[in-house]
Amino acid sequence: MTLPRSFPLFATTFACAFAVLYIMSVQYNLALFTYHPALNQWGPLVQPPKGGPAMYWYGWLATSAVGALALAALACLLPGRWAARLWPGFAWVVPVGVMLAVIYLLRGYFLR
C-alpha cells in the first residue's frame, strides 16, 4: 500500500490543528455533544448537568477532530510549492506547546 503524496501535509496539518482546536474547545467549552453518565444519556452541544456531573470531554474531542479534519483537507488543496514550505516538525512542536498551555490552564489544580 502506498500513501498519496499529500499525506505528510495532511498528517502535519491535522496534528497541529487538532491540538490547537482541542485547547480552544476546552477553554471555551465548545463541545459537539454532552454525556450524562448518571442517566446514560447523550445530548447535543453543551448542556447543563442533569442528575450528576456532565462529561464534555467526548464532545471536545469530536469538535477538535471535525475541525482538524476540515483544515487538513483544505491544506491538501494548497499548491505544491506552498505545501512544501510546511515544516514537518510542527507536528511535534505545536502539540507540545499546547500541552504546556493545558498545564498553565490547570495550574490551580497543581498549586493547591
PDB file of N, CA and C in Angstrom:
ATOM      1  N   MET A   1       0.845  -1.171   0.000  1.00  0.00           N
ATOM      2  CA  MET A   1       0.000   0.000   0.000  1.00  0.00           C
ATOM      3  C   MET A   1       0.893   1.237   0.000  1.00  0.00           C
ATOM      4  N   THR A   2       0.626   2.142  -0.875  1.00  0.00           N
ATOM      5  CA  THR A   2       1.385   3.385  -0.937  1.00  0.00           C
ATOM      6  C   THR A   2       0.498   4.542  -0.505  1.00  0.00           C
ATOM      7  N   LEU A   3       1.116   5.487   0.166  1.00  0.00           N
ATOM      8  CA  LEU A   3       0.381   6.665   0.625  1.00  0.00           C
ATOM      9  C   LEU A   3       0.419   7.750  -0.444  1.00  0.00           C
ATOM     10  N   PRO A   4      -0.613   8.549  -0.539  1.00  0.00           N
ATOM     11  CA  PRO A   4      -0.586   9.659  -1.501  1.00  0.00           C
ATOM     12  C   PRO A   4       0.473  10.690  -1.109  1.00  0.00           C
ATOM     13  N   ARG A   5       0.912  11.464  -2.079  1.00  0.00           N
ATOM     14  CA  ARG A   5       1.935  12.482  -1.839  1.00  0.00           C
ATOM     15  C   ARG A   5       1.491  13.520  -0.816  1.00  0.00           C
ATOM     16  N   SER A   6       0.214  13.765  -0.724  1.00  0.00           N
ATOM     17  CA  SER A   6      -0.284  14.797   0.175  1.00  0.00           C
ATOM     18  C   SER A   6      -0.454  14.312   1.620  1.00  0.00           C
ATOM     19  N   PHE A   7      -0.198  13.045   1.901  1.00  0.00           N
ATOM     20  CA  PHE A   7      -0.414  12.536   3.258  1.00  0.00           C
ATOM     21  C   PHE A   7       0.445  13.230   4.311  1.00  0.00           C
ATOM     22  N   PRO A   8       1.755  13.464   4.080  1.00  0.00           N
ATOM     23  CA  PRO A   8       2.531  14.177   5.111  1.00  0.00           C
ATOM     24  C   PRO A   8       1.958  15.560   5.427  1.00  0.00           C
ATOM     25  N   LEU A   9       1.512  16.267   4.423  1.00  0.00           N
ATOM     26  CA  LEU A   9       0.894  17.572   4.641  1.00  0.00           C
ATOM     27  C   LEU A   9      -0.396  17.414   5.437  1.00  0.00           C
ATOM     28  N   PHE A  10      -1.211  16.427   5.070  1.00  0.00           N
ATOM     29  CA  PHE A  10      -2.466  16.170   5.779  1.00  0.00           C
ATOM     30  C   PHE A  10      -2.197  15.837   7.248  1.00  0.00           C
ATOM     31  N   ALA A  11      -1.244  14.938   7.504  1.00  0.00           N
ATOM     32  CA  ALA A  11      -0.959  14.498   8.870  1.00  0.00           C
ATOM     33  C   ALA A  11      -0.401  15.627   9.723  1.00  0.00           C
ATOM     34  N   THR A  12       0.504  16.419   9.172  1.00  0.00           N
ATOM     35  CA  THR A  12       1.084  17.532   9.926  1.00  0.00           C
ATOM     36  C   THR A  12       0.025  18.578  10.239  1.00  0.00           C
ATOM     37  N   THR A  13      -0.783  18.910   9.254  1.00  0.00           N
ATOM     38  CA  THR A  13      -1.834  19.901   9.469  1.00  0.00           C
ATOM     39  C   THR A  13      -2.863  19.388  10.467  1.00  0.00           C
ATOM     40  N   PHE A  14      -3.233  18.119  10.367  1.00  0.00           N
ATOM     41  CA  PHE A  14      -4.214  17.550  11.293  1.00  0.00           C
ATOM     42  C   PHE A  14      -3.680  17.591  12.722  1.00  0.00           C
ATOM     43  N   ALA A  15      -2.420  17.194  12.916  1.00  0.00           N
ATOM     44  CA  ALA A  15      -1.837  17.170  14.272  1.00  0.00           C
ATOM     45  C   ALA A  15      -1.814  18.561  14.887  1.00  0.00           C
ATOM     46  N   CYS A  16      -1.396  19.542  14.114  1.00  0.00           N
ATOM     47  CA  CYS A  16      -1.334  20.914  14.628  1.00  0.00           C
ATOM     48  C   CYS A  16      -2.732  21.470  14.887  1.00  0.00           C
ATOM     49  N   ALA A  17      -3.617  21.296  13.941  1.00  0.00           N
ATOM     50  CA  ALA A  17      -4.968  21.839  14.080  1.00  0.00           C
ATOM     51  C   ALA A  17      -5.720  21.167  15.223  1.00  0.00           C
ATOM     52  N   PHE A  18      -5.568  19.855  15.364  1.00  0.00           N
ATOM     53  CA  PHE A  18      -6.270  19.158  16.441  1.00  0.00           C
ATOM     54  C   PHE A  18      -5.828  19.680  17.801  1.00  0.00           C
ATOM     55  N   ALA A  19      -4.528  19.847  17.976  1.00  0.00           N
ATOM     56  CA  ALA A  19      -4.013  20.318  19.266  1.00  0.00           C
ATOM     57  C   ALA A  19      -4.531  21.715  19.592  1.00  0.00           C
ATOM     58  N   VAL A  20      -4.483  22.610  18.624  1.00  0.00           N
ATOM     59  CA  VAL A  20      -4.939  23.983  18.859  1.00  0.00           C
ATOM     60  C   VAL A  20      -6.453  24.023  19.060  1.00  0.00           C
ATOM     61  N   LEU A  21      -7.192  23.296  18.254  1.00  0.00           N
ATOM     62  CA  LEU A  21      -8.654  23.282  18.396  1.00  0.00           C
ATOM     63  C   LEU A  21      -9.086  22.622  19.705  1.00  0.00           C
ATOM     64  N   TYR A  22      -8.319  21.630  20.169  1.00  0.00           N
ATOM     65  CA  TYR A  22      -8.677  20.981  21.432  1.00  0.00           C
ATOM     66  C   TYR A  22      -8.573  21.966  22.592  1.00  0.00           C
ATOM     67  N   ILE A  23      -7.475  22.701  22.646  1.00  0.00           N
ATOM     68  CA  ILE A  23      -7.337  23.633  23.770  1.00  0.00           C
ATOM     69  C   ILE A  23      -8.381  24.738  23.680  1.00  0.00           C
ATOM     70  N   MET A  24      -8.740  25.149  22.480  1.00  0.00           N
ATOM     71  CA  MET A  24      -9.806  26.148  22.336  1.00  0.00           C
ATOM     72  C   MET A  24     -11.154  25.564  22.759  1.00  0.00           C
ATOM     73  N   SER A  25     -11.396  24.296  22.427  1.00  0.00           N
ATOM     74  CA  SER A  25     -12.648  23.646  22.817  1.00  0.00           C
ATOM     75  C   SER A  25     -12.761  23.541  24.332  1.00  0.00           C
ATOM     76  N   VAL A  26     -11.659  23.221  24.984  1.00  0.00           N
ATOM     77  CA  VAL A  26     -11.664  23.108  26.443  1.00  0.00           C
ATOM     78  C   VAL A  26     -11.845  24.486  27.076  1.00  0.00           C
ATOM     79  N   GLN A  27     -11.095  25.454  26.593  1.00  0.00           N
ATOM     80  CA  GLN A  27     -11.130  26.795  27.190  1.00  0.00           C
ATOM     81  C   GLN A  27     -12.505  27.443  27.053  1.00  0.00           C
ATOM     82  N   TYR A  28     -13.128  27.299  25.898  1.00  0.00           N
ATOM     83  CA  TYR A  28     -14.415  27.959  25.643  1.00  0.00           C
ATOM     84  C   TYR A  28     -15.609  26.998  25.701  1.00  0.00           C
ATOM     85  N   ASN A  29     -15.379  25.758  26.113  1.00  0.00           N
ATOM     86  CA  ASN A  29     -16.403  24.721  26.246  1.00  0.00           C
ATOM     87  C   ASN A  29     -17.221  24.575  24.961  1.00  0.00           C
ATOM     88  N   LEU A  30     -16.532  24.267  23.889  1.00  0.00           N
ATOM     89  CA  LEU A  30     -17.165  24.082  22.580  1.00  0.00           C
ATOM     90  C   LEU A  30     -17.313  22.582  22.300  1.00  0.00           C
ATOM     91  N   ALA A  31     -18.285  21.968  22.895  1.00  0.00           N
ATOM     92  CA  ALA A  31     -18.496  20.539  22.731  1.00  0.00           C
ATOM     93  C   ALA A  31     -19.624  20.277  21.736  1.00  0.00           C
ATOM     94  N   LEU A  32     -19.416  19.305  20.855  1.00  0.00           N
ATOM     95  CA  LEU A  32     -20.480  18.934  19.911  1.00  0.00           C
ATOM     96  C   LEU A  32     -21.610  18.193  20.612  1.00  0.00           C
ATOM     97  N   PHE A  33     -21.289  17.529  21.704  1.00  0.00           N
ATOM     98  CA  PHE A  33     -22.320  16.831  22.471  1.00  0.00           C
ATOM     99  C   PHE A  33     -21.868  16.677  23.910  1.00  0.00           C
ATOM    100  N   THR A  34     -22.822  16.365  24.776  1.00  0.00           N
ATOM    101  CA  THR A  34     -22.588  16.192  26.205  1.00  0.00           C
ATOM    102  C   THR A  34     -23.075  14.811  26.618  1.00  0.00           C
ATOM    103  N   TYR A  35     -22.308  14.160  27.477  1.00  0.00           N
ATOM    104  CA  TYR A  35     -22.702  12.853  28.008  1.00  0.00           C
ATOM    105  C   TYR A  35     -23.028  13.006  29.486  1.00  0.00           C
ATOM    106  N   HIS A  36     -24.183  12.466  29.877  1.00  0.00           N
ATOM    107  CA  HIS A  36     -24.616  12.470  31.279  1.00  0.00           C
ATOM    108  C   HIS A  36     -24.503  11.035  31.785  1.00  0.00           C
ATOM    109  N   PRO A  37     -23.382  10.685  32.454  1.00  0.00           N
ATOM    110  CA  PRO A  37     -23.155   9.289  32.826  1.00  0.00           C
ATOM    111  C   PRO A  37     -24.148   8.751  33.853  1.00  0.00           C
ATOM    112  N   ALA A  38     -24.633   9.574  34.748  1.00  0.00           N
ATOM    113  CA  ALA A  38     -25.579   9.088  35.753  1.00  0.00           C
ATOM    114  C   ALA A  38     -26.884   8.628  35.114  1.00  0.00           C
ATOM    115  N   LEU A  39     -27.265   9.278  34.004  1.00  0.00           N
ATOM    116  CA  LEU A  39     -28.513   8.936  33.322  1.00  0.00           C
ATOM    117  C   LEU A  39     -28.272   8.112  32.062  1.00  0.00           C
ATOM    118  N   ASN A  40     -27.003   7.935  31.706  1.00  0.00           N
ATOM    119  CA  ASN A  40     -26.624   7.242  30.473  1.00  0.00           C
ATOM    120  C   ASN A  40     -27.297   7.878  29.254  1.00  0.00           C
ATOM    121  N   GLN A  41     -27.210   9.222  29.187  1.00  0.00           N
ATOM    122  CA  GLN A  41     -27.837   9.979  28.099  1.00  0.00           C
ATOM    123  C   GLN A  41     -26.800  10.839  27.389  1.00  0.00           C
ATOM    124  N   TRP A  42     -27.024  11.010  26.097  1.00  0.00           N
ATOM    125  CA  TRP A  42     -26.214  11.905  25.273  1.00  0.00           C
ATOM    126  C   TRP A  42     -27.098  13.057  24.836  1.00  0.00           C
ATOM    127  N   GLY A  43     -26.531  14.243  24.776  1.00  0.00           N
ATOM    128  CA  GLY A  43     -27.294  15.402  24.329  1.00  0.00           C
ATOM    129  C   GLY A  43     -26.476  16.237  23.357  1.00  0.00           C
ATOM    130  N   PRO A  44     -27.138  16.958  22.466  1.00  0.00           N
ATOM    131  CA  PRO A  44     -26.407  17.788  21.505  1.00  0.00           C
ATOM    132  C   PRO A  44     -25.818  19.033  22.162  1.00  0.00           C
ATOM    133  N   LEU A  45     -24.662  19.433  21.680  1.00  0.00           N
ATOM    134  CA  LEU A  45     -23.958  20.635  22.133  1.00  0.00           C
ATOM    135  C   LEU A  45     -23.729  20.608  23.644  1.00  0.00           C
ATOM    136  N   VAL A  46     -23.499  21.764  24.231  1.00  0.00           N
ATOM    137  CA  VAL A  46     -23.208  21.859  25.666  1.00  0.00           C
ATOM    138  C   VAL A  46     -24.521  21.966  26.429  1.00  0.00           C
ATOM    139  N   GLN A  47     -24.698  21.076  27.390  1.00  0.00           N
ATOM    140  CA  GLN A  47     -25.905  21.075  28.218  1.00  0.00           C
ATOM    141  C   GLN A  47     -25.496  21.141  29.688  1.00  0.00           C
ATOM    142  N   PRO A  48     -26.340  21.728  30.519  1.00  0.00           N
ATOM    143  CA  PRO A  48     -26.021  21.752  31.952  1.00  0.00           C
ATOM    144  C   PRO A  48     -26.139  20.337  32.530  1.00  0.00           C
ATOM    145  N   PRO A  49     -25.479  20.091  33.665  1.00  0.00           N
ATOM    146  CA  PRO A  49     -25.563  18.765  34.290  1.00  0.00           C
ATOM    147  C   PRO A  49     -26.998  18.394  34.651  1.00  0.00           C
ATOM    148  N   LYS A  50     -27.299  17.107  34.488  1.00  0.00           N
ATOM    149  CA  LYS A  50     -28.627  16.576  34.844  1.00  0.00           C
ATOM    150  C   LYS A  50     -28.418  15.367  35.744  1.00  0.00           C
ATOM    151  N   GLY A  51     -28.811  15.438  36.964  1.00  0.00           N
ATOM    152  CA  GLY A  51     -28.732  14.295  37.866  1.00  0.00           C
ATOM    153  C   GLY A  51     -27.316  13.799  38.121  1.00  0.00           C
ATOM    154  N   GLY A  52     -26.354  14.655  38.070  1.00  0.00           N
ATOM    155  CA  GLY A  52     -24.953  14.292  38.264  1.00  0.00           C
ATOM    156  C   GLY A  52     -24.075  15.121  37.337  1.00  0.00           C
ATOM    157  N   PRO A  53     -22.789  14.877  37.374  1.00  0.00           N
ATOM    158  CA  PRO A  53     -21.895  15.675  36.521  1.00  0.00           C
ATOM    159  C   PRO A  53     -22.069  15.346  35.041  1.00  0.00           C
ATOM    160  N   ALA A  54     -21.834  16.344  34.228  1.00  0.00           N
ATOM    161  CA  ALA A  54     -21.883  16.151  32.775  1.00  0.00           C
ATOM    162  C   ALA A  54     -20.457  16.002  32.259  1.00  0.00           C
ATOM    163  N   MET A  55     -20.289  15.173  31.231  1.00  0.00           N
ATOM    164  CA  MET A  55     -18.968  14.960  30.634  1.00  0.00           C
ATOM    165  C   MET A  55     -18.938  15.642  29.270  1.00  0.00           C
ATOM    166  N   TYR A  56     -18.037  16.597  29.130  1.00  0.00           N
ATOM    167  CA  TYR A  56     -17.903  17.335  27.877  1.00  0.00           C
ATOM    168  C   TYR A  56     -16.712  16.846  27.057  1.00  0.00           C
ATOM    169  N   TRP A  57     -15.865  16.023  27.651  1.00  0.00           N
ATOM    170  CA  TRP A  57     -14.614  15.609  27.016  1.00  0.00           C
ATOM    171  C   TRP A  57     -14.842  14.953  25.661  1.00  0.00           C
ATOM    172  N   TYR A  58     -15.805  14.077  25.554  1.00  0.00           N
ATOM    173  CA  TYR A  58     -16.087  13.425  24.269  1.00  0.00           C
ATOM    174  C   TYR A  58     -16.482  14.460  23.208  1.00  0.00           C
ATOM    175  N   GLY A  59     -17.268  15.429  23.605  1.00  0.00           N
ATOM    176  CA  GLY A  59     -17.674  16.490  22.691  1.00  0.00           C
ATOM    177  C   GLY A  59     -16.505  17.367  22.272  1.00  0.00           C
ATOM    178  N   TRP A  60     -15.582  17.622  23.209  1.00  0.00           N
ATOM    179  CA  TRP A  60     -14.390  18.405  22.861  1.00  0.00           C
ATOM    180  C   TRP A  60     -13.535  17.662  21.847  1.00  0.00           C
ATOM    181  N   LEU A  61     -13.393  16.359  22.041  1.00  0.00           N
ATOM    182  CA  LEU A  61     -12.621  15.556  21.089  1.00  0.00           C
ATOM    183  C   LEU A  61     -13.275  15.565  19.708  1.00  0.00           C
ATOM    184  N   ALA A  62     -14.589  15.438  19.681  1.00  0.00           N
ATOM    185  CA  ALA A  62     -15.296  15.432  18.398  1.00  0.00           C
ATOM    186  C   ALA A  62     -15.185  16.795  17.703  1.00  0.00           C
ATOM    187  N   THR A  63     -15.317  17.869  18.467  1.00  0.00           N
ATOM    188  CA  THR A  63     -15.182  19.208  17.896  1.00  0.00           C
ATOM    189  C   THR A  63     -13.799  19.382  17.285  1.00  0.00           C
ATOM    190  N   SER A  64     -12.780  18.974  18.019  1.00  0.00           N
ATOM    191  CA  SER A  64     -11.399  19.106  17.546  1.00  0.00           C
ATOM    192  C   SER A  64     -11.148  18.243  16.322  1.00  0.00           C
ATOM    193  N   ALA A  65     -11.654  17.022  16.333  1.00  0.00           N
ATOM    194  CA  ALA A  65     -11.423  16.104  15.209  1.00  0.00           C
ATOM    195  C   ALA A  65     -12.103  16.596  13.934  1.00  0.00           C
ATOM    196  N   VAL A  66     -13.332  17.057  14.047  1.00  0.00           N
ATOM    197  CA  VAL A  66     -14.054  17.543  12.862  1.00  0.00           C
ATOM    198  C   VAL A  66     -13.367  18.781  12.297  1.00  0.00           C
ATOM    199  N   GLY A  67     -13.008  19.707  13.165  1.00  0.00           N
ATOM    200  CA  GLY A  67     -12.331  20.921  12.718  1.00  0.00           C
ATOM    201  C   GLY A  67     -10.965  20.635  12.108  1.00  0.00           C
ATOM    202  N   ALA A  68     -10.197  19.751  12.745  1.00  0.00           N
ATOM    203  CA  ALA A  68      -8.869  19.410  12.228  1.00  0.00           C
ATOM    204  C   ALA A  68      -8.970  18.669  10.902  1.00  0.00           C
ATOM    205  N   LEU A  69      -9.955  17.810  10.768  1.00  0.00           N
ATOM    206  CA  LEU A  69     -10.155  17.097   9.513  1.00  0.00           C
ATOM    207  C   LEU A  69     -10.462  18.076   8.379  1.00  0.00           C
ATOM    208  N   ALA A  70     -11.305  19.044   8.656  1.00  0.00           N
ATOM    209  CA  ALA A  70     -11.649  20.042   7.633  1.00  0.00           C
ATOM    210  C   ALA A  70     -10.431  20.884   7.250  1.00  0.00           C
ATOM    211  N   LEU A  71      -9.661  21.328   8.244  1.00  0.00           N
ATOM    212  CA  LEU A  71      -8.484  22.139   7.944  1.00  0.00           C
ATOM    213  C   LEU A  71      -7.415  21.339   7.210  1.00  0.00           C
ATOM    214  N   ALA A  72      -7.231  20.080   7.598  1.00  0.00           N
ATOM    215  CA  ALA A  72      -6.236  19.243   6.921  1.00  0.00           C
ATOM    216  C   ALA A  72      -6.651  18.959   5.480  1.00  0.00           C
ATOM    217  N   ALA A  73      -7.942  18.753   5.252  1.00  0.00           N
ATOM    218  CA  ALA A  73      -8.419  18.535   3.884  1.00  0.00           C
ATOM    219  C   ALA A  73      -8.216  19.783   3.038  1.00  0.00           C
ATOM    220  N   LEU A  74      -8.461  20.957   3.632  1.00  0.00           N
ATOM    221  CA  LEU A  74      -8.226  22.205   2.908  1.00  0.00           C
ATOM    222  C   LEU A  74      -6.739  22.407   2.618  1.00  0.00           C
ATOM    223  N   ALA A  75      -5.885  22.004   3.553  1.00  0.00           N
ATOM    224  CA  ALA A  75      -4.440  22.147   3.346  1.00  0.00           C
ATOM    225  C   ALA A  75      -3.960  21.301   2.176  1.00  0.00           C
ATOM    226  N   CYS A  76      -4.616  20.185   1.935  1.00  0.00           N
ATOM    227  CA  CYS A  76      -4.226  19.321   0.812  1.00  0.00           C
ATOM    228  C   CYS A  76      -4.544  19.969  -0.533  1.00  0.00           C
ATOM    229  N   LEU A  77      -5.375  20.987  -0.530  1.00  0.00           N
ATOM    230  CA  LEU A  77      -5.711  21.689  -1.765  1.00  0.00           C
ATOM    231  C   LEU A  77      -4.719  22.806  -2.089  1.00  0.00           C
ATOM    232  N   LEU A  78      -3.777  23.061  -1.169  1.00  0.00           N
ATOM    233  CA  LEU A  78      -2.780  24.102  -1.413  1.00  0.00           C
ATOM    234  C   LEU A  78      -1.883  23.728  -2.586  1.00  0.00           C
ATOM    235  N   PRO A  79      -1.373  24.719  -3.298  1.00  0.00           N
ATOM    236  CA  PRO A  79      -0.404  24.415  -4.360  1.00  0.00           C
ATOM    237  C   PRO A  79       0.841  23.741  -3.773  1.00  0.00           C
ATOM    238  N   GLY A  80       1.489  22.934  -4.574  1.00  0.00           N
ATOM    239  CA  GLY A  80       2.638  22.151  -4.119  1.00  0.00           C
ATOM    240  C   GLY A  80       3.767  22.978  -3.549  1.00  0.00           C
ATOM    241  N   ARG A  81       4.046  24.149  -4.097  1.00  0.00           N
ATOM    242  CA  ARG A  81       5.161  24.945  -3.592  1.00  0.00           C
ATOM    243  C   ARG A  81       4.849  25.521  -2.214  1.00  0.00           C
ATOM    244  N   TRP A  82       3.585  25.835  -1.916  1.00  0.00           N
ATOM    245  CA  TRP A  82       3.216  26.291  -0.579  1.00  0.00           C
ATOM    246  C   TRP A  82       3.264  25.141   0.410  1.00  0.00           C
ATOM    247  N   ALA A  83       2.771  23.996  -0.013  1.00  0.00           N
ATOM    248  CA  ALA A  83       2.746  22.831   0.867  1.00  0.00           C
ATOM    249  C   ALA A  83       4.159  22.380   1.221  1.00  0.00           C
ATOM    250  N   ALA A  84       5.109  22.553   0.312  1.00  0.00           N
ATOM    251  CA  ALA A  84       6.489  22.131   0.569  1.00  0.00           C
ATOM    252  C   ALA A  84       7.144  22.980   1.650  1.00  0.00           C
ATOM    253  N   ARG A  85       6.615  24.163   1.921  1.00  0.00           N
ATOM    254  CA  ARG A  85       7.184  25.045   2.940  1.00  0.00           C
ATOM    255  C   ARG A  85       6.801  24.632   4.356  1.00  0.00           C
ATOM    256  N   LEU A  86       5.823  23.784   4.515  1.00  0.00           N
ATOM    257  CA  LEU A  86       5.371  23.382   5.847  1.00  0.00           C
ATOM    258  C   LEU A  86       6.393  22.446   6.474  1.00  0.00           C
ATOM    259  N   TRP A  87       6.934  22.843   7.599  1.00  0.00           N
ATOM    260  CA  TRP A  87       7.940  22.043   8.302  1.00  0.00           C
ATOM    261  C   TRP A  87       7.255  20.895   9.041  1.00  0.00           C
ATOM    262  N   PRO A  88       7.657  19.647   8.797  1.00  0.00           N
ATOM    263  CA  PRO A  88       7.018  18.515   9.479  1.00  0.00           C
ATOM    264  C   PRO A  88       7.192  18.533  10.995  1.00  0.00           C
ATOM    265  N   GLY A  89       8.184  19.246  11.481  1.00  0.00           N
ATOM    266  CA  GLY A  89       8.402  19.339  12.924  1.00  0.00           C
ATOM    267  C   GLY A  89       7.276  20.024  13.666  1.00  0.00           C
ATOM    268  N   PHE A  90       6.443  20.781  12.933  1.00  0.00           N
ATOM    269  CA  PHE A  90       5.278  21.397  13.571  1.00  0.00           C
ATOM    270  C   PHE A  90       4.357  20.345  14.182  1.00  0.00           C
ATOM    271  N   ALA A  91       4.364  19.142  13.624  1.00  0.00           N
ATOM    272  CA  ALA A  91       3.517  18.066  14.158  1.00  0.00           C
ATOM    273  C   ALA A  91       3.922  17.696  15.582  1.00  0.00           C
ATOM    274  N   TRP A  92       5.139  18.052  15.997  1.00  0.00           N
ATOM    275  CA  TRP A  92       5.590  17.814  17.370  1.00  0.00           C
ATOM    276  C   TRP A  92       5.614  19.091  18.186  1.00  0.00           C
ATOM    277  N   VAL A  93       6.061  20.167  17.586  1.00  0.00           N
ATOM    278  CA  VAL A  93       6.240  21.416  18.327  1.00  0.00           C
ATOM    279  C   VAL A  93       4.897  21.986  18.796  1.00  0.00           C
ATOM    280  N   VAL A  94       3.917  22.036  17.921  1.00  0.00           N
ATOM    281  CA  VAL A  94       2.622  22.625  18.284  1.00  0.00           C
ATOM    282  C   VAL A  94       1.925  21.822  19.390  1.00  0.00           C
ATOM    283  N   PRO A  95       1.810  20.488  19.299  1.00  0.00           N
ATOM    284  CA  PRO A  95       1.177  19.759  20.407  1.00  0.00           C
ATOM    285  C   PRO A  95       1.916  19.896  21.739  1.00  0.00           C
ATOM    286  N   VAL A  96       3.244  19.956  21.720  1.00  0.00           N
ATOM    287  CA  VAL A  96       3.987  20.145  22.970  1.00  0.00           C
ATOM    288  C   VAL A  96       3.674  21.527  23.548  1.00  0.00           C
ATOM    289  N   GLY A  97       3.603  22.530  22.688  1.00  0.00           N
ATOM    290  CA  GLY A  97       3.211  23.861  23.153  1.00  0.00           C
ATOM    291  C   GLY A  97       1.813  23.875  23.731  1.00  0.00           C
ATOM    292  N   VAL A  98       0.915  23.136  23.118  1.00  0.00           N
ATOM    293  CA  VAL A  98      -0.456  23.063  23.633  1.00  0.00           C
ATOM    294  C   VAL A  98      -0.485  22.331  24.976  1.00  0.00           C
ATOM    295  N   MET A  99       0.342  21.301  25.136  1.00  0.00           N
ATOM    296  CA  MET A  99       0.410  20.617  26.437  1.00  0.00           C
ATOM    297  C   MET A  99       0.860  21.580  27.534  1.00  0.00           C
ATOM    298  N   LEU A 100       1.830  22.419  27.217  1.00  0.00           N
ATOM    299  CA  LEU A 100       2.269  23.422  28.191  1.00  0.00           C
ATOM    300  C   LEU A 100       1.144  24.410  28.490  1.00  0.00           C
ATOM    301  N   ALA A 101       0.371  24.770  27.492  1.00  0.00           N
ATOM    302  CA  ALA A 101      -0.767  25.664  27.704  1.00  0.00           C
ATOM    303  C   ALA A 101      -1.829  25.005  28.582  1.00  0.00           C
ATOM    304  N   VAL A 102      -2.062  23.712  28.402  1.00  0.00           N
ATOM    305  CA  VAL A 102      -3.026  22.995  29.251  1.00  0.00           C
ATOM    306  C   VAL A 102      -2.540  22.959  30.693  1.00  0.00           C
ATOM    307  N   ILE A 103      -1.249  22.732  30.891  1.00  0.00           N
ATOM    308  CA  ILE A 103      -0.699  22.767  32.254  1.00  0.00           C
ATOM    309  C   ILE A 103      -0.924  24.146  32.862  1.00  0.00           C
ATOM    310  N   TYR A 104      -0.727  25.193  32.068  1.00  0.00           N
ATOM    311  CA  TYR A 104      -0.972  26.545  32.567  1.00  0.00           C
ATOM    312  C   TYR A 104      -2.448  26.737  32.914  1.00  0.00           C
ATOM    313  N   LEU A 105      -3.346  26.255  32.066  1.00  0.00           N
ATOM    314  CA  LEU A 105      -4.776  26.398  32.337  1.00  0.00           C
ATOM    315  C   LEU A 105      -5.195  25.654  33.604  1.00  0.00           C
ATOM    316  N   LEU A 106      -4.549  24.520  33.874  1.00  0.00           N
ATOM    317  CA  LEU A 106      -4.903  23.704  35.041  1.00  0.00           C
ATOM    318  C   LEU A 106      -3.991  23.938  36.217  1.00  0.00           C
ATOM    319  N   ARG A 107      -3.265  25.035  36.214  1.00  0.00           N
ATOM    320  CA  ARG A 107      -2.291  25.306  37.281  1.00  0.00           C
ATOM    321  C   ARG A 107      -2.944  25.354  38.657  1.00  0.00           C
ATOM    322  N   GLY A 108      -4.202  25.733  38.730  1.00  0.00           N
ATOM    323  CA  GLY A 108      -4.893  25.779  40.013  1.00  0.00           C
ATOM    324  C   GLY A 108      -4.984  24.408  40.675  1.00  0.00           C
ATOM    325  N   TYR A 109      -5.045  23.360  39.896  1.00  0.00           N
ATOM    326  CA  TYR A 109      -5.105  22.006  40.444  1.00  0.00           C
ATOM    327  C   TYR A 109      -3.747  21.553  40.966  1.00  0.00           C
ATOM    328  N   PHE A 110      -2.683  22.090  40.377  1.00  0.00           N
ATOM    329  CA  PHE A 110      -1.332  21.683  40.771  1.00  0.00           C
ATOM    330  C   PHE A 110      -0.803  22.505  41.945  1.00  0.00           C
ATOM    331  N   LEU A 111      -1.352  23.674  42.169  1.00  0.00           N
ATOM    332  CA  LEU A 111      -0.822  24.591  43.175  1.00  0.00           C
ATOM    333  C   LEU A 111      -1.653  24.625  44.444  1.00  0.00           C
ATOM    334  N   ARG A 112      -2.434  23.633  44.702  1.00  0.00           N
ATOM    335  CA  ARG A 112      -3.263  23.634  45.928  1.00  0.00           C
ATOM    336  C   ARG A 112      -2.449  23.185  47.104  1.00  0.00           C
TER     337      ARG A 112
END
